[in-house]
Every structure is written in structure tokens, then in C-alpha cells.
mmCIF file of all heavy atoms, coordinates in Angstrom:
data_MODEL
# 
_entry.id   MODEL 
# 
loop_
_atom_site.group_PDB 
_atom_site.id 
_atom_site.type_symbol 
_atom_site.label_atom_id 
_atom_site.label_alt_id 
_atom_site.label_comp_id 
_atom_site.label_asym_id 
_atom_site.label_entity_id 
_atom_site.label_seq_id 
_atom_site.pdbx_PDB_ins_code 
_atom_site.Cartn_x 
_atom_site.Cartn_y 
_atom_site.Cartn_z 
_atom_site.occupancy 
_atom_site.B_iso_or_equiv 
_atom_site.pdbx_formal_charge 
_atom_site.auth_seq_id 
_atom_site.auth_comp_id 
_atom_site.auth_asym_id 
_atom_site.auth_atom_id 
_atom_site.pdbx_PDB_model_num 
ATOM 1   N N   . ALA A 1 1  ? 0.831   -1.221 -0.010 1.00 0.00 ? 1  ALA A N   1 
ATOM 2   C CA  . ALA A 1 1  ? -0.011  -0.008 0.002  1.00 0.00 ? 1  ALA A CA  1 
ATOM 3   C C   . ALA A 1 1  ? 0.849   1.243  -0.014 1.00 0.00 ? 1  ALA A C   1 
ATOM 4   O O   . ALA A 1 1  ? 0.341   2.339  0.305  1.00 0.00 ? 1  ALA A O   1 
ATOM 5   C CB  . ALA A 1 1  ? -0.892  -0.008 1.215  1.00 0.00 ? 1  ALA A CB  1 
ATOM 6   N N   . ARG A 1 2  ? 2.129   1.149  -0.378 1.00 0.00 ? 2  ARG A N   1 
ATOM 7   C CA  . ARG A 1 2  ? 3.036   2.274  -0.290 1.00 0.00 ? 2  ARG A CA  1 
ATOM 8   C C   . ARG A 1 2  ? 2.655   3.435  -1.159 1.00 0.00 ? 2  ARG A C   1 
ATOM 9   O O   . ARG A 1 2  ? 2.556   4.591  -0.695 1.00 0.00 ? 2  ARG A O   1 
ATOM 10  C CB  . ARG A 1 2  ? 4.463   1.839  -0.568 1.00 0.00 ? 2  ARG A CB  1 
ATOM 11  C CG  . ARG A 1 2  ? 5.470   2.851  -0.272 1.00 0.00 ? 2  ARG A CG  1 
ATOM 12  C CD  . ARG A 1 2  ? 6.812   2.253  -0.265 1.00 0.00 ? 2  ARG A CD  1 
ATOM 13  N NE  . ARG A 1 2  ? 6.819   1.196  0.749  1.00 0.00 ? 2  ARG A NE  1 
ATOM 14  C CZ  . ARG A 1 2  ? 7.919   0.776  1.374  1.00 0.00 ? 2  ARG A CZ  1 
ATOM 15  N NH1 . ARG A 1 2  ? 9.054   1.314  1.026  1.00 0.00 ? 2  ARG A NH1 1 
ATOM 16  N NH2 . ARG A 1 2  ? 7.893   -0.114 2.252  1.00 0.00 ? 2  ARG A NH2 1 
ATOM 17  N N   . ARG A 1 3  ? 2.368   3.176  -2.424 1.00 0.00 ? 3  ARG A N   1 
ATOM 18  C CA  . ARG A 1 3  ? 2.137   4.308  -3.335 1.00 0.00 ? 3  ARG A CA  1 
ATOM 19  C C   . ARG A 1 3  ? 0.756   4.901  -3.171 1.00 0.00 ? 3  ARG A C   1 
ATOM 20  O O   . ARG A 1 3  ? 0.609   6.086  -3.061 1.00 0.00 ? 3  ARG A O   1 
ATOM 21  C CB  . ARG A 1 3  ? 2.275   3.764  -4.787 1.00 0.00 ? 3  ARG A CB  1 
ATOM 22  C CG  . ARG A 1 3  ? 2.112   4.907  -5.817 1.00 0.00 ? 3  ARG A CG  1 
ATOM 23  C CD  . ARG A 1 3  ? 2.358   4.376  -7.171 1.00 0.00 ? 3  ARG A CD  1 
ATOM 24  N NE  . ARG A 1 3  ? 3.820   4.024  -7.286 1.00 0.00 ? 3  ARG A NE  1 
ATOM 25  C CZ  . ARG A 1 3  ? 4.291   3.345  -8.308 1.00 0.00 ? 3  ARG A CZ  1 
ATOM 26  N NH1 . ARG A 1 3  ? 3.508   2.886  -9.260 1.00 0.00 ? 3  ARG A NH1 1 
ATOM 27  N NH2 . ARG A 1 3  ? 5.578   3.068  -8.320 1.00 0.00 ? 3  ARG A NH2 1 
ATOM 28  N N   . SER A 1 4  ? -0.236  4.074  -3.029 1.00 0.00 ? 4  SER A N   1 
ATOM 29  C CA  . SER A 1 4  ? -1.605  4.627  -2.892 1.00 0.00 ? 4  SER A CA  1 
ATOM 30  C C   . SER A 1 4  ? -1.781  5.269  -1.494 1.00 0.00 ? 4  SER A C   1 
ATOM 31  O O   . SER A 1 4  ? -2.438  6.239  -1.355 1.00 0.00 ? 4  SER A O   1 
ATOM 32  C CB  . SER A 1 4  ? -2.645  3.555  -3.111 1.00 0.00 ? 4  SER A CB  1 
ATOM 33  O OG  . SER A 1 4  ? -2.522  2.501  -2.165 1.00 0.00 ? 4  SER A OG  1 
ATOM 34  N N   . GLY A 1 5  ? -1.193  4.674  -0.454 1.00 0.00 ? 5  GLY A N   1 
ATOM 35  C CA  . GLY A 1 5  ? -1.284  5.237  0.891  1.00 0.00 ? 5  GLY A CA  1 
ATOM 36  C C   . GLY A 1 5  ? -0.672  6.595  0.952  1.00 0.00 ? 5  GLY A C   1 
ATOM 37  O O   . GLY A 1 5  ? -1.234  7.569  1.548  1.00 0.00 ? 5  GLY A O   1 
ATOM 38  N N   . SER A 1 6  ? 0.490   6.770  0.374  1.00 0.00 ? 6  SER A N   1 
ATOM 39  C CA  . SER A 1 6  ? 1.137   8.100  0.334  1.00 0.00 ? 6  SER A CA  1 
ATOM 40  C C   . SER A 1 6  ? 0.383   9.086  -0.460 1.00 0.00 ? 6  SER A C   1 
ATOM 41  O O   . SER A 1 6  ? 0.280   10.245 -0.121 1.00 0.00 ? 6  SER A O   1 
ATOM 42  C CB  . SER A 1 6  ? 2.568   7.928  -0.187 1.00 0.00 ? 6  SER A CB  1 
ATOM 43  O OG  . SER A 1 6  ? 3.303   7.155  0.617  1.00 0.00 ? 6  SER A OG  1 
ATOM 44  N N   . MET A 1 7  ? -0.198  8.685  -1.626 1.00 0.00 ? 7  MET A N   1 
ATOM 45  C CA  . MET A 1 7  ? -0.902  9.583  -2.458 1.00 0.00 ? 7  MET A CA  1 
ATOM 46  C C   . MET A 1 7  ? -2.178  10.081 -1.745 1.00 0.00 ? 7  MET A C   1 
ATOM 47  O O   . MET A 1 7  ? -2.438  11.309 -1.685 1.00 0.00 ? 7  MET A O   1 
ATOM 48  C CB  . MET A 1 7  ? -1.284  8.930  -3.794 1.00 0.00 ? 7  MET A CB  1 
ATOM 49  C CG  . MET A 1 7  ? -2.040  9.856  -4.734 1.00 0.00 ? 7  MET A CG  1 
ATOM 50  S SD  . MET A 1 7  ? -2.558  9.098  -6.250 1.00 0.00 ? 7  MET A SD  1 
ATOM 51  C CE  . MET A 1 7  ? -3.819  7.944  -5.612 1.00 0.00 ? 7  MET A CE  1 
ATOM 52  N N   . PHE A 1 8  ? -2.991  9.163  -1.257 1.00 0.00 ? 8  PHE A N   1 
ATOM 53  C CA  . PHE A 1 8  ? -4.200  9.564  -0.561 1.00 0.00 ? 8  PHE A CA  1 
ATOM 54  C C   . PHE A 1 8  ? -3.957  10.323 0.688  1.00 0.00 ? 8  PHE A C   1 
ATOM 55  O O   . PHE A 1 8  ? -4.661  11.242 1.066  1.00 0.00 ? 8  PHE A O   1 
ATOM 56  C CB  . PHE A 1 8  ? -5.150  8.357  -0.336 1.00 0.00 ? 8  PHE A CB  1 
ATOM 57  C CG  . PHE A 1 8  ? -5.713  7.799  -1.522 1.00 0.00 ? 8  PHE A CG  1 
ATOM 58  C CD1 . PHE A 1 8  ? -5.671  6.464  -1.800 1.00 0.00 ? 8  PHE A CD1 1 
ATOM 59  C CD2 . PHE A 1 8  ? -6.339  8.608  -2.507 1.00 0.00 ? 8  PHE A CD2 1 
ATOM 60  C CE1 . PHE A 1 8  ? -6.246  5.923  -2.958 1.00 0.00 ? 8  PHE A CE1 1 
ATOM 61  C CE2 . PHE A 1 8  ? -6.879  8.082  -3.605 1.00 0.00 ? 8  PHE A CE2 1 
ATOM 62  C CZ  . PHE A 1 8  ? -6.844  6.730  -3.900 1.00 0.00 ? 8  PHE A CZ  1 
ATOM 63  N N   . GLY A 1 9  ? -2.892  9.891  1.434  1.00 0.00 ? 9  GLY A N   1 
ATOM 64  C CA  . GLY A 1 9  ? -2.540  10.582 2.648  1.00 0.00 ? 9  GLY A CA  1 
ATOM 65  C C   . GLY A 1 9  ? -2.120  12.037 2.355  1.00 0.00 ? 9  GLY A C   1 
ATOM 66  O O   . GLY A 1 9  ? -2.506  12.979 3.080  1.00 0.00 ? 9  GLY A O   1 
ATOM 67  N N   . GLY A 1 10 ? -1.330  12.210 1.338  1.00 0.00 ? 10 GLY A N   1 
ATOM 68  C CA  . GLY A 1 10 ? -0.912  13.566 0.985  1.00 0.00 ? 10 GLY A CA  1 
ATOM 69  C C   . GLY A 1 10 ? -2.084  14.458 0.565  1.00 0.00 ? 10 GLY A C   1 
ATOM 70  O O   . GLY A 1 10 ? -2.123  15.666 0.874  1.00 0.00 ? 10 GLY A O   1 
ATOM 71  N N   . LEU A 1 11 ? -2.998  13.877 -0.220 1.00 0.00 ? 11 LEU A N   1 
ATOM 72  C CA  . LEU A 1 11 ? -4.198  14.625 -0.617 1.00 0.00 ? 11 LEU A CA  1 
ATOM 73  C C   . LEU A 1 11 ? -5.045  14.985 0.575  1.00 0.00 ? 11 LEU A C   1 
ATOM 74  O O   . LEU A 1 11 ? -5.567  16.118 0.666  1.00 0.00 ? 11 LEU A O   1 
ATOM 75  C CB  . LEU A 1 11 ? -5.012  13.787 -1.581 1.00 0.00 ? 11 LEU A CB  1 
ATOM 76  C CG  . LEU A 1 11 ? -4.442  13.674 -3.030 1.00 0.00 ? 11 LEU A CG  1 
ATOM 77  C CD1 . LEU A 1 11 ? -5.294  12.731 -3.851 1.00 0.00 ? 11 LEU A CD1 1 
ATOM 78  C CD2 . LEU A 1 11 ? -4.337  15.076 -3.683 1.00 0.00 ? 11 LEU A CD2 1 
ATOM 79  N N   . LEU A 1 12 ? -5.206  14.096 1.540  1.00 0.00 ? 12 LEU A N   1 
ATOM 80  C CA  . LEU A 1 12 ? -5.952  14.426 2.775  1.00 0.00 ? 12 LEU A CA  1 
ATOM 81  C C   . LEU A 1 12 ? -5.293  15.507 3.603  1.00 0.00 ? 12 LEU A C   1 
ATOM 82  O O   . LEU A 1 12 ? -5.964  16.421 4.104  1.00 0.00 ? 12 LEU A O   1 
ATOM 83  C CB  . LEU A 1 12 ? -6.115  13.168 3.621  1.00 0.00 ? 12 LEU A CB  1 
ATOM 84  C CG  . LEU A 1 12 ? -7.237  12.239 3.272  1.00 0.00 ? 12 LEU A CG  1 
ATOM 85  C CD1 . LEU A 1 12 ? -7.186  11.006 4.104  1.00 0.00 ? 12 LEU A CD1 1 
ATOM 86  C CD2 . LEU A 1 12 ? -8.573  12.926 3.418  1.00 0.00 ? 12 LEU A CD2 1 
ATOM 87  N N   . ILE A 1 13 ? -3.968  15.466 3.728  1.00 0.00 ? 13 ILE A N   1 
ATOM 88  C CA  . ILE A 1 13 ? -3.269  16.525 4.437  1.00 0.00 ? 13 ILE A CA  1 
ATOM 89  C C   . ILE A 1 13 ? -3.449  17.854 3.760  1.00 0.00 ? 13 ILE A C   1 
ATOM 90  O O   . ILE A 1 13 ? -3.671  18.891 4.382  1.00 0.00 ? 13 ILE A O   1 
ATOM 91  C CB  . ILE A 1 13 ? -1.782  16.169 4.633  1.00 0.00 ? 13 ILE A CB  1 
ATOM 92  C CG1 . ILE A 1 13 ? -1.653  15.012 5.619  1.00 0.00 ? 13 ILE A CG1 1 
ATOM 93  C CG2 . ILE A 1 13 ? -0.980  17.311 5.136  1.00 0.00 ? 13 ILE A CG2 1 
ATOM 94  C CD1 . ILE A 1 13 ? -0.252  14.466 5.772  1.00 0.00 ? 13 ILE A CD1 1 
ATOM 95  N N   . ALA A 1 14 ? -3.256  17.849 2.383  1.00 0.00 ? 14 ALA A N   1 
ATOM 96  C CA  . ALA A 1 14 ? -3.415  19.164 1.671  1.00 0.00 ? 14 ALA A CA  1 
ATOM 97  C C   . ALA A 1 14 ? -4.820  19.675 1.772  1.00 0.00 ? 14 ALA A C   1 
ATOM 98  O O   . ALA A 1 14 ? -5.000  20.888 2.014  1.00 0.00 ? 14 ALA A O   1 
ATOM 99  C CB  . ALA A 1 14 ? -2.995  18.923 0.208  1.00 0.00 ? 14 ALA A CB  1 
ATOM 100 N N   . GLY A 1 15 ? -5.823  18.847 1.608  1.00 0.00 ? 15 GLY A N   1 
ATOM 101 C CA  . GLY A 1 15 ? -7.213  19.287 1.751  1.00 0.00 ? 15 GLY A CA  1 
ATOM 102 C C   . GLY A 1 15 ? -7.544  19.767 3.144  1.00 0.00 ? 15 GLY A C   1 
ATOM 103 O O   . GLY A 1 15 ? -8.245  20.742 3.331  1.00 0.00 ? 15 GLY A O   1 
ATOM 104 N N   . GLY A 1 16 ? -7.044  19.024 4.143  1.00 0.00 ? 16 GLY A N   1 
ATOM 105 C CA  . GLY A 1 16 ? -7.334  19.398 5.520  1.00 0.00 ? 16 GLY A CA  1 
ATOM 106 C C   . GLY A 1 16 ? -6.722  20.763 5.889  1.00 0.00 ? 16 GLY A C   1 
ATOM 107 O O   . GLY A 1 16 ? -7.384  21.587 6.533  1.00 0.00 ? 16 GLY A O   1 
ATOM 108 N N   . MET A 1 17 ? -5.498  20.931 5.485  1.00 0.00 ? 17 MET A N   1 
ATOM 109 C CA  . MET A 1 17 ? -4.883  22.235 5.777  1.00 0.00 ? 17 MET A CA  1 
ATOM 110 C C   . MET A 1 17 ? -5.448  23.370 5.029  1.00 0.00 ? 17 MET A C   1 
ATOM 111 O O   . MET A 1 17 ? -5.547  24.506 5.487  1.00 0.00 ? 17 MET A O   1 
ATOM 112 C CB  . MET A 1 17 ? -3.321  22.150 5.486  1.00 0.00 ? 17 MET A CB  1 
ATOM 113 C CG  . MET A 1 17 ? -2.623  21.302 6.498  1.00 0.00 ? 17 MET A CG  1 
ATOM 114 S SD  . MET A 1 17 ? -2.689  21.881 8.142  1.00 0.00 ? 17 MET A SD  1 
ATOM 115 C CE  . MET A 1 17 ? -3.810  20.757 8.903  1.00 0.00 ? 17 MET A CE  1 
ATOM 116 N N   . ALA A 1 18 ? -5.973  23.135 3.792  1.00 0.00 ? 18 ALA A N   1 
ATOM 117 C CA  . ALA A 1 18 ? -6.685  24.187 3.051  1.00 0.00 ? 18 ALA A CA  1 
ATOM 118 C C   . ALA A 1 18 ? -7.987  24.561 3.757  1.00 0.00 ? 18 ALA A C   1 
ATOM 119 O O   . ALA A 1 18 ? -8.333  25.716 3.854  1.00 0.00 ? 18 ALA A O   1 
ATOM 120 C CB  . ALA A 1 18 ? -7.004  23.656 1.624  1.00 0.00 ? 18 ALA A CB  1 
ATOM 121 N N   . LEU A 1 19 ? -8.678  23.546 4.339  1.00 0.00 ? 19 LEU A N   1 
ATOM 122 C CA  . LEU A 1 19 ? -9.856  23.869 5.118  1.00 0.00 ? 19 LEU A CA  1 
ATOM 123 C C   . LEU A 1 19 ? -9.527  24.711 6.363  1.00 0.00 ? 19 LEU A C   1 
ATOM 124 O O   . LEU A 1 19 ? -10.287 25.634 6.721  1.00 0.00 ? 19 LEU A O   1 
ATOM 125 C CB  . LEU A 1 19 ? -10.572 22.572 5.535  1.00 0.00 ? 19 LEU A CB  1 
ATOM 126 C CG  . LEU A 1 19 ? -11.571 22.004 4.568  1.00 0.00 ? 19 LEU A CG  1 
ATOM 127 C CD1 . LEU A 1 19 ? -12.076 20.646 5.136  1.00 0.00 ? 19 LEU A CD1 1 
ATOM 128 C CD2 . LEU A 1 19 ? -12.711 22.919 4.342  1.00 0.00 ? 19 LEU A CD2 1 
ATOM 129 N N   . ALA A 1 20 ? -8.441  24.368 7.002  1.00 0.00 ? 20 ALA A N   1 
ATOM 130 C CA  . ALA A 1 20 ? -8.041  25.103 8.213  1.00 0.00 ? 20 ALA A CA  1 
ATOM 131 C C   . ALA A 1 20 ? -7.699  26.553 7.864  1.00 0.00 ? 20 ALA A C   1 
ATOM 132 O O   . ALA A 1 20 ? -7.997  27.504 8.577  1.00 0.00 ? 20 ALA A O   1 
ATOM 133 C CB  . ALA A 1 20 ? -6.860  24.419 8.850  1.00 0.00 ? 20 ALA A CB  1 
ATOM 134 N N   . ILE A 1 21 ? -6.970  26.772 6.705  1.00 0.00 ? 21 ILE A N   1 
ATOM 135 C CA  . ILE A 1 21 ? -6.645  28.088 6.255  1.00 0.00 ? 21 ILE A CA  1 
ATOM 136 C C   . ILE A 1 21 ? -7.926  28.901 5.940  1.00 0.00 ? 21 ILE A C   1 
ATOM 137 O O   . ILE A 1 21 ? -8.005  30.082 6.318  1.00 0.00 ? 21 ILE A O   1 
ATOM 138 C CB  . ILE A 1 21 ? -5.674  28.070 5.071  1.00 0.00 ? 21 ILE A CB  1 
ATOM 139 C CG1 . ILE A 1 21 ? -4.329  27.561 5.555  1.00 0.00 ? 21 ILE A CG1 1 
ATOM 140 C CG2 . ILE A 1 21 ? -5.599  29.368 4.376  1.00 0.00 ? 21 ILE A CG2 1 
ATOM 141 C CD1 . ILE A 1 21 ? -3.380  27.205 4.406  1.00 0.00 ? 21 ILE A CD1 1 
ATOM 142 N N   . VAL A 1 22 ? -8.876  28.291 5.254  1.00 0.00 ? 22 VAL A N   1 
ATOM 143 C CA  . VAL A 1 22 ? -10.146 28.981 4.944  1.00 0.00 ? 22 VAL A CA  1 
ATOM 144 C C   . VAL A 1 22 ? -10.824 29.340 6.242  1.00 0.00 ? 22 VAL A C   1 
ATOM 145 O O   . VAL A 1 22 ? -11.395 30.445 6.345  1.00 0.00 ? 22 VAL A O   1 
ATOM 146 C CB  . VAL A 1 22 ? -10.988 28.093 4.026  1.00 0.00 ? 22 VAL A CB  1 
ATOM 147 C CG1 . VAL A 1 22 ? -12.408 28.576 3.956  1.00 0.00 ? 22 VAL A CG1 1 
ATOM 148 C CG2 . VAL A 1 22 ? -10.383 28.073 2.638  1.00 0.00 ? 22 VAL A CG2 1 
ATOM 149 N N   . ALA A 1 23 ? -10.848 28.421 7.236  1.00 0.00 ? 23 ALA A N   1 
ATOM 150 C CA  . ALA A 1 23 ? -11.517 28.753 8.442  1.00 0.00 ? 23 ALA A CA  1 
ATOM 151 C C   . ALA A 1 23 ? -10.875 29.923 9.240  1.00 0.00 ? 23 ALA A C   1 
ATOM 152 O O   . ALA A 1 23 ? -11.590 30.779 9.724  1.00 0.00 ? 23 ALA A O   1 
ATOM 153 C CB  . ALA A 1 23 ? -11.561 27.483 9.341  1.00 0.00 ? 23 ALA A CB  1 
ATOM 154 N N   . VAL A 1 24 ? -9.597  29.912 9.253  1.00 0.00 ? 24 VAL A N   1 
ATOM 155 C CA  . VAL A 1 24 ? -8.888  31.027 9.978  1.00 0.00 ? 24 VAL A CA  1 
ATOM 156 C C   . VAL A 1 24 ? -9.043  32.320 9.229  1.00 0.00 ? 24 VAL A C   1 
ATOM 157 O O   . VAL A 1 24 ? -9.322  33.361 9.828  1.00 0.00 ? 24 VAL A O   1 
ATOM 158 C CB  . VAL A 1 24 ? -7.367  30.705 10.138 1.00 0.00 ? 24 VAL A CB  1 
ATOM 159 C CG1 . VAL A 1 24 ? -6.651  31.890 10.644 1.00 0.00 ? 24 VAL A CG1 1 
ATOM 160 C CG2 . VAL A 1 24 ? -7.277  29.535 11.132 1.00 0.00 ? 24 VAL A CG2 1 
ATOM 161 N N   . HIS A 1 25 ? -8.992  32.310 7.884  1.00 0.00 ? 25 HIS A N   1 
ATOM 162 C CA  . HIS A 1 25 ? -9.051  33.571 7.131  1.00 0.00 ? 25 HIS A CA  1 
ATOM 163 C C   . HIS A 1 25 ? -10.468 34.141 7.099  1.00 0.00 ? 25 HIS A C   1 
ATOM 164 O O   . HIS A 1 25 ? -10.673 35.314 7.454  1.00 0.00 ? 25 HIS A O   1 
ATOM 165 C CB  . HIS A 1 25 ? -8.567  33.317 5.751  1.00 0.00 ? 25 HIS A CB  1 
ATOM 166 C CG  . HIS A 1 25 ? -8.579  34.545 4.901  1.00 0.00 ? 25 HIS A CG  1 
ATOM 167 N ND1 . HIS A 1 25 ? -7.665  35.555 5.042  1.00 0.00 ? 25 HIS A ND1 1 
ATOM 168 C CD2 . HIS A 1 25 ? -9.423  34.955 3.893  1.00 0.00 ? 25 HIS A CD2 1 
ATOM 169 C CE1 . HIS A 1 25 ? -7.934  36.523 4.188  1.00 0.00 ? 25 HIS A CE1 1 
ATOM 170 N NE2 . HIS A 1 25 ? -8.982  36.199 3.462  1.00 0.00 ? 25 HIS A NE2 1 
ATOM 171 N N   . TYR A 1 26 ? -11.447 33.365 6.771  1.00 0.00 ? 26 TYR A N   1 
ATOM 172 C CA  . TYR A 1 26 ? -12.814 33.910 6.555  1.00 0.00 ? 26 TYR A CA  1 
ATOM 173 C C   . TYR A 1 26 ? -13.623 33.864 7.905  1.00 0.00 ? 26 TYR A C   1 
ATOM 174 O O   . TYR A 1 26 ? -14.536 34.631 8.051  1.00 0.00 ? 26 TYR A O   1 
ATOM 175 C CB  . TYR A 1 26 ? -13.578 33.061 5.554  1.00 0.00 ? 26 TYR A CB  1 
ATOM 176 C CG  . TYR A 1 26 ? -13.073 33.373 4.164  1.00 0.00 ? 26 TYR A CG  1 
ATOM 177 C CD1 . TYR A 1 26 ? -12.367 32.485 3.427  1.00 0.00 ? 26 TYR A CD1 1 
ATOM 178 C CD2 . TYR A 1 26 ? -13.351 34.588 3.572  1.00 0.00 ? 26 TYR A CD2 1 
ATOM 179 C CE1 . TYR A 1 26 ? -11.933 32.703 2.124  1.00 0.00 ? 26 TYR A CE1 1 
ATOM 180 C CE2 . TYR A 1 26 ? -12.893 34.929 2.271  1.00 0.00 ? 26 TYR A CE2 1 
ATOM 181 C CZ  . TYR A 1 26 ? -12.166 33.947 1.605  1.00 0.00 ? 26 TYR A CZ  1 
ATOM 182 O OH  . TYR A 1 26 ? -11.703 34.194 0.286  1.00 0.00 ? 26 TYR A OH  1 
ATOM 183 N N   . GLY A 1 27 ? -13.211 33.015 8.838  1.00 0.00 ? 27 GLY A N   1 
ATOM 184 C CA  . GLY A 1 27 ? -13.962 32.909 10.089 1.00 0.00 ? 27 GLY A CA  1 
ATOM 185 C C   . GLY A 1 27 ? -13.406 33.884 11.142 1.00 0.00 ? 27 GLY A C   1 
ATOM 186 O O   . GLY A 1 27 ? -13.941 34.022 12.173 1.00 0.00 ? 27 GLY A O   1 
ATOM 187 N N   . LYS A 1 28 ? -12.291 34.528 10.831 1.00 0.00 ? 28 LYS A N   1 
ATOM 188 C CA  . LYS A 1 28 ? -11.695 35.543 11.730 1.00 0.00 ? 28 LYS A CA  1 
ATOM 189 C C   . LYS A 1 28 ? -11.487 34.939 13.156 1.00 0.00 ? 28 LYS A C   1 
ATOM 190 O O   . LYS A 1 28 ? -11.934 35.533 14.117 1.00 0.00 ? 28 LYS A O   1 
ATOM 191 C CB  . LYS A 1 28 ? -12.501 36.792 11.795 1.00 0.00 ? 28 LYS A CB  1 
ATOM 192 C CG  . LYS A 1 28 ? -12.573 37.512 10.434 1.00 0.00 ? 28 LYS A CG  1 
ATOM 193 C CD  . LYS A 1 28 ? -13.551 38.643 10.457 1.00 0.00 ? 28 LYS A CD  1 
ATOM 194 C CE  . LYS A 1 28 ? -13.634 39.405 9.097  1.00 0.00 ? 28 LYS A CE  1 
ATOM 195 N NZ  . LYS A 1 28 ? -13.966 38.511 7.976  1.00 0.00 ? 28 LYS A NZ  1 
ATOM 196 N N   . LEU A 1 29 ? -10.842 33.780 13.203 1.00 0.00 ? 29 LEU A N   1 
ATOM 197 C CA  . LEU A 1 29 ? -10.594 33.129 14.490 1.00 0.00 ? 29 LEU A CA  1 
ATOM 198 C C   . LEU A 1 29 ? -9.430  33.776 15.254 1.00 0.00 ? 29 LEU A C   1 
ATOM 199 O O   . LEU A 1 29 ? -9.371  33.732 16.441 1.00 0.00 ? 29 LEU A O   1 
ATOM 200 C CB  . LEU A 1 29 ? -10.286 31.668 14.283 1.00 0.00 ? 29 LEU A CB  1 
ATOM 201 C CG  . LEU A 1 29 ? -11.454 30.852 13.763 1.00 0.00 ? 29 LEU A CG  1 
ATOM 202 C CD1 . LEU A 1 29 ? -11.020 29.406 13.549 1.00 0.00 ? 29 LEU A CD1 1 
ATOM 203 C CD2 . LEU A 1 29 ? -12.609 30.890 14.730 1.00 0.00 ? 29 LEU A CD2 1 
# 
């Protein structure tokens, strides 16, 4: 599961951090 695990894990990290950035920027936390 080395290639697919790294690919999906990287996509989840990138998407999660994008959501956190949107929350901090637009939510004025």
C-alpha cells in the first residue's frame, strides 16, 4: 500500500490544511 497510501494521505493533508486556512481567514478566528 506504499504508493496509494502516500498519495491519498498527501491529498488528505493538503485538503485538511486548506480547510483550516479557509476557516482562519474567513472565520476571523
